[in-house]
Amino acid sequence: QRRSATVPGAVPPARWESEPDLWERPEPVLRRLKDEVLDTVATLVAELGTYSDAELVGLRTQSRAWATIVEPGHGVPIRSHSMASWCAIYCAQAPDYAPERPTGGALSLYDPRLGNMYQDAGNSRLRMPFTFGHFGTRAAAGQLVVFPAWLAYETLPLRGATPLVTVSALLRFVAEGGRR
């Protein structure tokens, strides 16, 4: 509906992105999605971090979110976000699977450490997320992917007939009083 309002009667663009104001919208479905995304990322931060319970209670989340619709034959060019700590991408509608192009519509994350890290038998067979290398996942409706916002990522061109619809959010955490 938001895309139709911004491009009335026109042919939809190959990739449309809303303004980054979805979390401020009043629609109940967006409010529920915001709560789910923020809770999931906060749980991840708690699990990965060394924060005490008191410190976790003092963390405040700052975030913004936008919707993206990608038409078949197109993708999302490579990007990263330097002014956030986490990126979360929720798949609202997955594209069709095309067996002849199994990576079509995949979210690809690119590890910048490949040429800068010494590898030997002690670190060349680590499990995710500690391994080195790129990572890709096909979109699935209802899936939420969370990763460090500094990682470069892209969505590979879709090969089916169904558009990809996602909601992306950037998050950062601020301690009470602005402490890190």
C-alpha atoms as a PDB file:
ATOM      1  CA  GLN A   1       0.000   0.000   0.000  1.00  0.00           C
ATOM      2  CA  ARG A   2       2.811   2.408   0.814  1.00  0.00           C
ATOM      3  CA  ARG A   3       4.505   1.710  -2.513  1.00  0.00           C
ATOM      4  CA  SER A   4       1.244   2.277  -4.380  1.00  0.00           C
ATOM      5  CA  ALA A   5       0.796   5.608  -2.602  1.00  0.00           C
ATOM      6  CA  THR A   6       4.280   6.792  -3.600  1.00  0.00           C
ATOM      7  CA  VAL A   7       4.080   5.494  -7.193  1.00  0.00           C
ATOM      8  CA  PRO A   8       0.359   5.853  -8.066  1.00  0.00           C
ATOM      9  CA  GLY A   9      -0.652   4.192 -11.329  1.00  0.00           C
ATOM     10  CA  ALA A  10       2.951   3.729 -12.449  1.00  0.00           C
ATOM     11  CA  VAL A  11       4.824   0.551 -13.272  1.00  0.00           C
ATOM     12  CA  PRO A  12       6.492  -0.564 -10.032  1.00  0.00           C
ATOM     13  CA  PRO A  13      10.224   0.175  -9.916  1.00  0.00           C
ATOM     14  CA  ALA A  14      12.696  -2.731  -9.905  1.00  0.00           C
ATOM     15  CA  ARG A  15      13.399  -2.029  -6.235  1.00  0.00           C
ATOM     16  CA  TRP A  16      11.306   0.175  -3.989  1.00  0.00           C
ATOM     17  CA  GLU A  17      12.288   1.227  -0.465  1.00  0.00           C
ATOM     18  CA  SER A  18      10.063   3.084   1.958  1.00  0.00           C
ATOM     19  CA  GLU A  19      11.167   5.916   4.150  1.00  0.00           C
ATOM     20  CA  PRO A  20      12.944   4.610   7.290  1.00  0.00           C
ATOM     21  CA  ASP A  21       9.951   5.427   9.504  1.00  0.00           C
ATOM     22  CA  LEU A  22       8.172   2.041   9.805  1.00  0.00           C
ATOM     23  CA  TRP A  23       8.678   1.824  13.561  1.00  0.00           C
ATOM     24  CA  GLU A  24       6.780   5.116  13.976  1.00  0.00           C
ATOM     25  CA  ARG A  25       3.770   3.900  11.981  1.00  0.00           C
ATOM     26  CA  PRO A  26       0.554   3.112  13.897  1.00  0.00           C
ATOM     27  CA  GLU A  27      -0.370  -0.172  12.161  1.00  0.00           C
ATOM     28  CA  PRO A  28      -0.629  -3.012  14.728  1.00  0.00           C
ATOM     29  CA  VAL A  29       1.294  -5.453  12.532  1.00  0.00           C
ATOM     30  CA  LEU A  30       4.257  -3.063  12.382  1.00  0.00           C
ATOM     31  CA  ARG A  31       4.120  -2.504  16.163  1.00  0.00           C
ATOM     32  CA  ARG A  32       4.205  -6.287  16.735  1.00  0.00           C
ATOM     33  CA  LEU A  33       7.054  -6.720  14.258  1.00  0.00           C
ATOM     34  CA  LYS A  34       9.023  -3.930  15.924  1.00  0.00           C
ATOM     35  CA  ASP A  35       8.603  -5.576  19.340  1.00  0.00           C
ATOM     36  CA  GLU A  36       9.682  -8.976  17.962  1.00  0.00           C
ATOM     37  CA  VAL A  37      12.739  -7.587  16.171  1.00  0.00           C
ATOM     38  CA  LEU A  38      13.888  -5.461  19.108  1.00  0.00           C
ATOM     39  CA  ASP A  39      13.365  -8.326  21.575  1.00  0.00           C
ATOM     40  CA  THR A  40      15.262 -10.772  19.358  1.00  0.00           C
ATOM     41  CA  VAL A  41      18.243  -8.468  18.879  1.00  0.00           C
ATOM     42  CA  ALA A  42      18.304  -7.559  22.595  1.00  0.00           C
ATOM     43  CA  THR A  43      18.355 -11.275  23.460  1.00  0.00           C
ATOM     44  CA  LEU A  44      21.219 -11.796  21.025  1.00  0.00           C
ATOM     45  CA  VAL A  45      23.189  -8.907  22.554  1.00  0.00           C
ATOM     46  CA  ALA A  46      22.592 -10.347  26.034  1.00  0.00           C
ATOM     47  CA  GLU A  47      23.759 -13.810  24.936  1.00  0.00           C
ATOM     48  CA  LEU A  48      26.866 -12.599  23.103  1.00  0.00           C
ATOM     49  CA  GLY A  49      27.880  -9.830  25.481  1.00  0.00           C
ATOM     50  CA  THR A  50      29.411  -9.777  28.937  1.00  0.00           C
ATOM     51  CA  TYR A  51      26.846  -7.431  30.438  1.00  0.00           C
ATOM     52  CA  SER A  52      25.524  -7.828  33.964  1.00  0.00           C
ATOM     53  CA  ASP A  53      21.753  -7.951  34.440  1.00  0.00           C
ATOM     54  CA  ALA A  54      21.849  -4.386  35.788  1.00  0.00           C
ATOM     55  CA  GLU A  55      23.759  -3.175  32.723  1.00  0.00           C
ATOM     56  CA  LEU A  56      21.334  -4.921  30.367  1.00  0.00           C
ATOM     57  CA  VAL A  57      18.369  -3.210  32.024  1.00  0.00           C
ATOM     58  CA  GLY A  58      20.102   0.140  31.449  1.00  0.00           C
ATOM     59  CA  LEU A  59      20.594  -0.369  27.715  1.00  0.00           C
ATOM     60  CA  ARG A  60      18.270   1.595  25.438  1.00  0.00           C
ATOM     61  CA  THR A  61      17.656   0.661  21.832  1.00  0.00           C
ATOM     62  CA  GLN A  62      17.679   3.173  19.027  1.00  0.00           C
ATOM     63  CA  SER A  63      16.428   1.861  15.700  1.00  0.00           C
ATOM     64  CA  ARG A  64      14.830   2.707  12.400  1.00  0.00           C
ATOM     65  CA  ALA A  65      13.256   0.446   9.820  1.00  0.00           C
ATOM     66  CA  TRP A  66      12.162   0.468   6.207  1.00  0.00           C
ATOM     67  CA  ALA A  67      10.358  -1.839   3.803  1.00  0.00           C
ATOM     68  CA  THR A  68      11.850  -3.067   0.544  1.00  0.00           C
ATOM     69  CA  ILE A  69      10.051  -4.661  -2.397  1.00  0.00           C
ATOM     70  CA  VAL A  70      12.276  -6.268  -5.023  1.00  0.00           C
ATOM     71  CA  GLU A  71      10.721  -7.261  -8.326  1.00  0.00           C
ATOM     72  CA  PRO A  72      11.730 -10.465 -10.168  1.00  0.00           C
ATOM     73  CA  GLY A  73      14.956 -10.132 -12.141  1.00  0.00           C
ATOM     74  CA  HIS A  74      16.382  -7.607  -9.702  1.00  0.00           C
ATOM     75  CA  GLY A  75      18.214  -7.547  -6.374  1.00  0.00           C
ATOM     76  CA  VAL A  76      19.524  -5.181  -3.722  1.00  0.00           C
ATOM     77  CA  PRO A  77      23.038  -3.848  -4.389  1.00  0.00           C
ATOM     78  CA  ILE A  78      25.806  -4.371  -1.876  1.00  0.00           C
ATOM     79  CA  ARG A  79      25.699  -2.127   1.185  1.00  0.00           C
ATOM     80  CA  SER A  80      26.700  -1.881   4.826  1.00  0.00           C
ATOM     81  CA  HIS A  81      25.764   0.468   7.640  1.00  0.00           C
ATOM     82  CA  SER A  82      28.484   2.177   9.648  1.00  0.00           C
ATOM     83  CA  MET A  83      26.277   4.082  12.115  1.00  0.00           C
ATOM     84  CA  ALA A  84      24.578   1.046  13.674  1.00  0.00           C
ATOM     85  CA  SER A  85      25.750  -2.054  15.489  1.00  0.00           C
ATOM     86  CA  TRP A  86      23.182  -4.548  14.193  1.00  0.00           C
ATOM     87  CA  CYS A  87      21.144  -5.056  11.043  1.00  0.00           C
ATOM     88  CA  ALA A  88      18.000  -7.202  11.109  1.00  0.00           C
ATOM     89  CA  ILE A  89      16.125  -8.225   7.970  1.00  0.00           C
ATOM     90  CA  TYR A  90      12.668  -9.780   8.239  1.00  0.00           C
ATOM     91  CA  CYS A  91      11.294 -11.598   5.198  1.00  0.00           C
ATOM     92  CA  ALA A  92       7.577 -10.856   4.815  1.00  0.00           C
ATOM     93  CA  GLN A  93       7.282 -12.522   1.384  1.00  0.00           C
ATOM     94  CA  ALA A  94       9.878 -14.814  -0.174  1.00  0.00           C
ATOM     95  CA  PRO A  95      10.490 -15.041  -3.902  1.00  0.00           C
ATOM     96  CA  ASP A  96       9.799 -18.220  -5.855  1.00  0.00           C
ATOM     97  CA  TYR A  97      12.565 -20.812  -5.866  1.00  0.00           C
ATOM     98  CA  ALA A  98      14.094 -21.370  -9.314  1.00  0.00           C
ATOM     99  CA  PRO A  99      16.095 -24.651  -9.322  1.00  0.00           C
ATOM    100  CA  GLU A 100      18.168 -23.516 -12.314  1.00  0.00           C
ATOM    101  CA  ARG A 101      19.368 -20.508 -10.248  1.00  0.00           C
ATOM    102  CA  PRO A 102      19.282 -21.699  -6.617  1.00  0.00           C
ATOM    103  CA  THR A 103      20.960 -18.554  -5.281  1.00  0.00           C
ATOM    104  CA  GLY A 104      18.321 -16.251  -6.776  1.00  0.00           C
ATOM    105  CA  GLY A 105      17.013 -13.915  -4.094  1.00  0.00           C
ATOM    106  CA  ALA A 106      19.588 -15.091  -1.548  1.00  0.00           C
ATOM    107  CA  LEU A 107      20.877 -12.735   1.126  1.00  0.00           C
ATOM    108  CA  SER A 108      24.666 -12.809   0.866  1.00  0.00           C
ATOM    109  CA  LEU A 109      26.910 -11.579   3.706  1.00  0.00           C
ATOM    110  CA  TYR A 110      30.535 -10.838   2.832  1.00  0.00           C
ATOM    111  CA  ASP A 111      33.360 -11.408   5.310  1.00  0.00           C
ATOM    112  CA  PRO A 112      36.070  -8.756   4.850  1.00  0.00           C
ATOM    113  CA  ARG A 113      38.695 -10.751   6.777  1.00  0.00           C
ATOM    114  CA  LEU A 114      39.498 -13.299   4.059  1.00  0.00           C
ATOM    115  CA  GLY A 115      42.736 -11.762   2.837  1.00  0.00           C
ATOM    116  CA  ASN A 116      43.782 -10.441   6.241  1.00  0.00           C
ATOM    117  CA  MET A 117      43.646 -13.497   8.457  1.00  0.00           C
ATOM    118  CA  TYR A 118      46.237 -16.212   8.851  1.00  0.00           C
ATOM    119  CA  GLN A 119      44.598 -19.600   8.538  1.00  0.00           C
ATOM    120  CA  ASP A 120      45.979 -22.938   9.615  1.00  0.00           C
ATOM    121  CA  ALA A 121      44.666 -26.273  10.911  1.00  0.00           C
ATOM    122  CA  GLY A 122      43.639 -24.591  14.177  1.00  0.00           C
ATOM    123  CA  ASN A 123      41.221 -22.079  12.702  1.00  0.00           C
ATOM    124  CA  SER A 124      40.355 -23.226   9.187  1.00  0.00           C
ATOM    125  CA  ARG A 125      37.450 -25.490  10.234  1.00  0.00           C
ATOM    126  CA  LEU A 126      35.587 -23.397  12.786  1.00  0.00           C
ATOM    127  CA  ARG A 127      31.790 -23.497  13.092  1.00  0.00           C
ATOM    128  CA  MET A 128      29.530 -20.588  12.180  1.00  0.00           C
ATOM    129  CA  PRO A 129      29.597 -17.801  13.192  1.00  0.00           C
ATOM    130  CA  PHE A 130      33.327 -18.043  13.924  1.00  0.00           C
ATOM    131  CA  THR A 131      34.370 -19.397  10.560  1.00  0.00           C
ATOM    132  CA  PHE A 132      35.891 -17.269   7.828  1.00  0.00           C
ATOM    133  CA  GLY A 133      34.151 -16.702   4.559  1.00  0.00           C
ATOM    134  CA  HIS A 134      30.972 -15.494   3.045  1.00  0.00           C
ATOM    135  CA  PHE A 135      27.537 -16.675   4.080  1.00  0.00           C
ATOM    136  CA  GLY A 136      24.322 -16.879   2.134  1.00  0.00           C
ATOM    137  CA  THR A 137      20.758 -17.818   2.989  1.00  0.00           C
ATOM    138  CA  ARG A 138      17.683 -18.094   0.827  1.00  0.00           C
ATOM    139  CA  ALA A 139      14.768 -15.948   1.877  1.00  0.00           C
ATOM    140  CA  ALA A 140      11.954 -17.711   3.718  1.00  0.00           C
ATOM    141  CA  ALA A 141       8.749 -15.976   4.758  1.00  0.00           C
ATOM    142  CA  GLY A 142       8.821 -15.295   8.497  1.00  0.00           C
ATOM    143  CA  GLN A 143      12.620 -15.545   8.718  1.00  0.00           C
ATOM    144  CA  LEU A 144      14.602 -12.909  10.639  1.00  0.00           C
ATOM    145  CA  VAL A 145      18.306 -12.591   9.881  1.00  0.00           C
ATOM    146  CA  VAL A 146      20.432 -10.581  12.336  1.00  0.00           C
ATOM    147  CA  PHE A 147      24.069  -9.689  11.671  1.00  0.00           C
ATOM    148  CA  PRO A 148      26.628  -6.975  12.493  1.00  0.00           C
ATOM    149  CA  ALA A 149      25.716  -3.845  10.558  1.00  0.00           C
ATOM    150  CA  TRP A 150      29.299  -3.317   9.364  1.00  0.00           C
ATOM    151  CA  LEU A 151      29.142  -6.520   7.283  1.00  0.00           C
ATOM    152  CA  ALA A 152      28.637  -5.896   3.588  1.00  0.00           C
ATOM    153  CA  TYR A 153      25.541  -7.624   2.226  1.00  0.00           C
ATOM    154  CA  GLU A 154      23.363  -7.811  -0.853  1.00  0.00           C
ATOM    155  CA  THR A 155      20.322  -9.630  -2.164  1.00  0.00           C
ATOM    156  CA  LEU A 156      21.095 -11.530  -5.345  1.00  0.00           C
ATOM    157  CA  PRO A 157      18.734 -11.057  -8.315  1.00  0.00           C
ATOM    158  CA  LEU A 158      15.435 -12.919  -8.040  1.00  0.00           C
ATOM    159  CA  ARG A 159      14.766 -15.603 -10.632  1.00  0.00           C
ATOM    160  CA  GLY A 160      11.138 -16.545  -9.943  1.00  0.00           C
ATOM    161  CA  ALA A 161       7.906 -14.644 -10.568  1.00  0.00           C
ATOM    162  CA  THR A 162       7.153 -13.489  -7.006  1.00  0.00           C
ATOM    163  CA  PRO A 163       8.587 -10.265  -5.547  1.00  0.00           C
ATOM    164  CA  LEU A 164      10.677 -10.279  -2.366  1.00  0.00           C
ATOM    165  CA  VAL A 165       9.227  -8.161   0.464  1.00  0.00           C
ATOM    166  CA  THR A 166      11.412  -7.414   3.490  1.00  0.00           C
ATOM    167  CA  VAL A 167      11.542  -5.106   6.472  1.00  0.00           C
ATOM    168  CA  SER A 168      15.065  -4.047   7.404  1.00  0.00           C
ATOM    169  CA  ALA A 169      16.052  -2.442  10.689  1.00  0.00           C
ATOM    170  CA  LEU A 170      19.239  -0.841  11.941  1.00  0.00           C
ATOM    171  CA  LEU A 171      19.821  -0.937  15.681  1.00  0.00           C
ATOM    172  CA  ARG A 172      22.232   0.528  18.156  1.00  0.00           C
ATOM    173  CA  PHE A 173      22.325   0.394  21.911  1.00  0.00           C
ATOM    174  CA  VAL A 174      23.035   3.257  24.281  1.00  0.00           C
ATOM    175  CA  ALA A 175      23.700   2.838  27.978  1.00  0.00           C
ATOM    176  CA  GLU A 176      22.030   5.174  30.480  1.00  0.00           C
ATOM    177  CA  GLY A 177      23.861   8.468  30.489  1.00  0.00           C
ATOM    178  CA  GLY A 178      25.297   7.749  27.051  1.00  0.00           C
ATOM    179  CA  ARG A 179      28.056   5.440  28.368  1.00  0.00           C
ATOM    180  CA  ARG A 180      29.390   2.713  26.071  1.00  0.00           C
END
